[in-house]
Amino acid sequence: MAKPDIVQIKMDQSEPQLRATTKALQIKVGTNKSVIVYNRINNYILEAILKAVFTDDH
C-alpha cells in the first residue's frame, strides 16, 4: 500500500481571531489507543504525528 502524501495547507484570515483550543481530530491507532490532535497544534508536531501514524513500520 502506498504511503499517503501529507501536505500543508494555509487558509487566509483577514484578521487574527482568538480561538479556544478544541479537539480537531482523533485517530484510533490500536486497541485502546488513539491520538488526539487539537486545533492549535504546531505544524511540525502535526507532521511528525501523521508520519508516525501512517507508516507501515508498526
C-alpha atoms as a PDB file:
ATOM      1  CA  MET A   1       0.000   0.000   0.000  1.00  0.00           C
ATOM      2  CA  ALA A   2       1.387   3.404  -0.953  1.00  0.00           C
ATOM      3  CA  LYS A   3       2.012   5.935   1.782  1.00  0.00           C
ATOM      4  CA  PRO A   4      -0.314   8.936   1.644  1.00  0.00           C
ATOM      5  CA  ASP A   5       1.243  12.304   0.872  1.00  0.00           C
ATOM      6  CA  ILE A   6       0.985  14.785   3.723  1.00  0.00           C
ATOM      7  CA  VAL A   7       0.776  18.378   2.573  1.00  0.00           C
ATOM      8  CA  GLN A   8       0.479  21.625   4.474  1.00  0.00           C
ATOM      9  CA  ILE A   9      -2.369  23.980   3.694  1.00  0.00           C
ATOM     10  CA  LYS A  10      -2.817  27.545   4.886  1.00  0.00           C
ATOM     11  CA  MET A  11      -6.068  29.428   4.948  1.00  0.00           C
ATOM     12  CA  ASP A  12      -6.148  33.197   4.590  1.00  0.00           C
ATOM     13  CA  GLN A  13      -7.554  35.119   7.520  1.00  0.00           C
ATOM     14  CA  SER A  14      -8.367  38.795   7.267  1.00  0.00           C
ATOM     15  CA  GLU A  15      -7.720  39.426  10.966  1.00  0.00           C
ATOM     16  CA  PRO A  16      -6.389  37.260  13.781  1.00  0.00           C
ATOM     17  CA  GLN A  17      -9.056  35.683  15.923  1.00  0.00           C
ATOM     18  CA  LEU A  18      -8.740  34.374  19.429  1.00  0.00           C
ATOM     19  CA  ARG A  19     -10.000  30.827  19.383  1.00  0.00           C
ATOM     20  CA  ALA A  20     -10.385  28.334  22.149  1.00  0.00           C
ATOM     21  CA  THR A  21      -8.356  25.161  21.907  1.00  0.00           C
ATOM     22  CA  THR A  22     -10.664  22.361  20.825  1.00  0.00           C
ATOM     23  CA  LYS A  23     -10.247  18.795  19.667  1.00  0.00           C
ATOM     24  CA  ALA A  24      -9.871  18.813  15.878  1.00  0.00           C
ATOM     25  CA  LEU A  25      -9.053  15.174  15.091  1.00  0.00           C
ATOM     26  CA  GLN A  26      -8.888  11.810  16.821  1.00  0.00           C
ATOM     27  CA  ILE A  27      -7.143   8.850  15.159  1.00  0.00           C
ATOM     28  CA  LYS A  28      -7.519   5.341  16.563  1.00  0.00           C
ATOM     29  CA  VAL A  29      -4.104   3.677  16.288  1.00  0.00           C
ATOM     30  CA  GLY A  30      -4.732   0.414  18.091  1.00  0.00           C
ATOM     31  CA  THR A  31      -6.771  -1.319  20.730  1.00  0.00           C
ATOM     32  CA  ASN A  32      -7.445   1.246  23.455  1.00  0.00           C
ATOM     33  CA  LYS A  33      -5.003   3.687  21.820  1.00  0.00           C
ATOM     34  CA  SER A  34      -5.767   6.895  19.996  1.00  0.00           C
ATOM     35  CA  VAL A  35      -4.072  10.140  19.038  1.00  0.00           C
ATOM     36  CA  ILE A  36      -5.946  13.361  19.716  1.00  0.00           C
ATOM     37  CA  VAL A  37      -4.968  16.481  17.774  1.00  0.00           C
ATOM     38  CA  TYR A  38      -6.117  19.931  18.860  1.00  0.00           C
ATOM     39  CA  ASN A  39      -6.722  22.902  16.577  1.00  0.00           C
ATOM     40  CA  ARG A  40      -3.771  24.975  17.848  1.00  0.00           C
ATOM     41  CA  ILE A  41      -1.068  22.328  17.222  1.00  0.00           C
ATOM     42  CA  ASN A  42       2.236  23.425  15.683  1.00  0.00           C
ATOM     43  CA  ASN A  43       2.683  22.326  12.072  1.00  0.00           C
ATOM     44  CA  TYR A  44       5.946  20.441  12.634  1.00  0.00           C
ATOM     45  CA  ILE A  45       4.417  18.453  15.508  1.00  0.00           C
ATOM     46  CA  LEU A  46       1.342  17.570  13.435  1.00  0.00           C
ATOM     47  CA  GLU A  47       3.525  16.466  10.526  1.00  0.00           C
ATOM     48  CA  ALA A  48       5.592  14.204  12.796  1.00  0.00           C
ATOM     49  CA  ILE A  49       2.464  12.655  14.311  1.00  0.00           C
ATOM     50  CA  LEU A  50       0.868  11.984  10.936  1.00  0.00           C
ATOM     51  CA  LYS A  51       4.042  10.429   9.557  1.00  0.00           C
ATOM     52  CA  ALA A  52       4.324   8.187  12.636  1.00  0.00           C
ATOM     53  CA  VAL A  53       0.681   7.095  12.451  1.00  0.00           C
ATOM     54  CA  PHE A  54       0.566   6.455   8.693  1.00  0.00           C
ATOM     55  CA  THR A  55       3.729   4.387   8.253  1.00  0.00           C
ATOM     56  CA  ASP A  56       3.680   0.636   7.709  1.00  0.00           C
ATOM     57  CA  ASP A  57       6.592   0.112  10.096  1.00  0.00           C
ATOM     58  CA  HIS A  58       4.411  -0.858  13.094  1.00  0.00           C
END
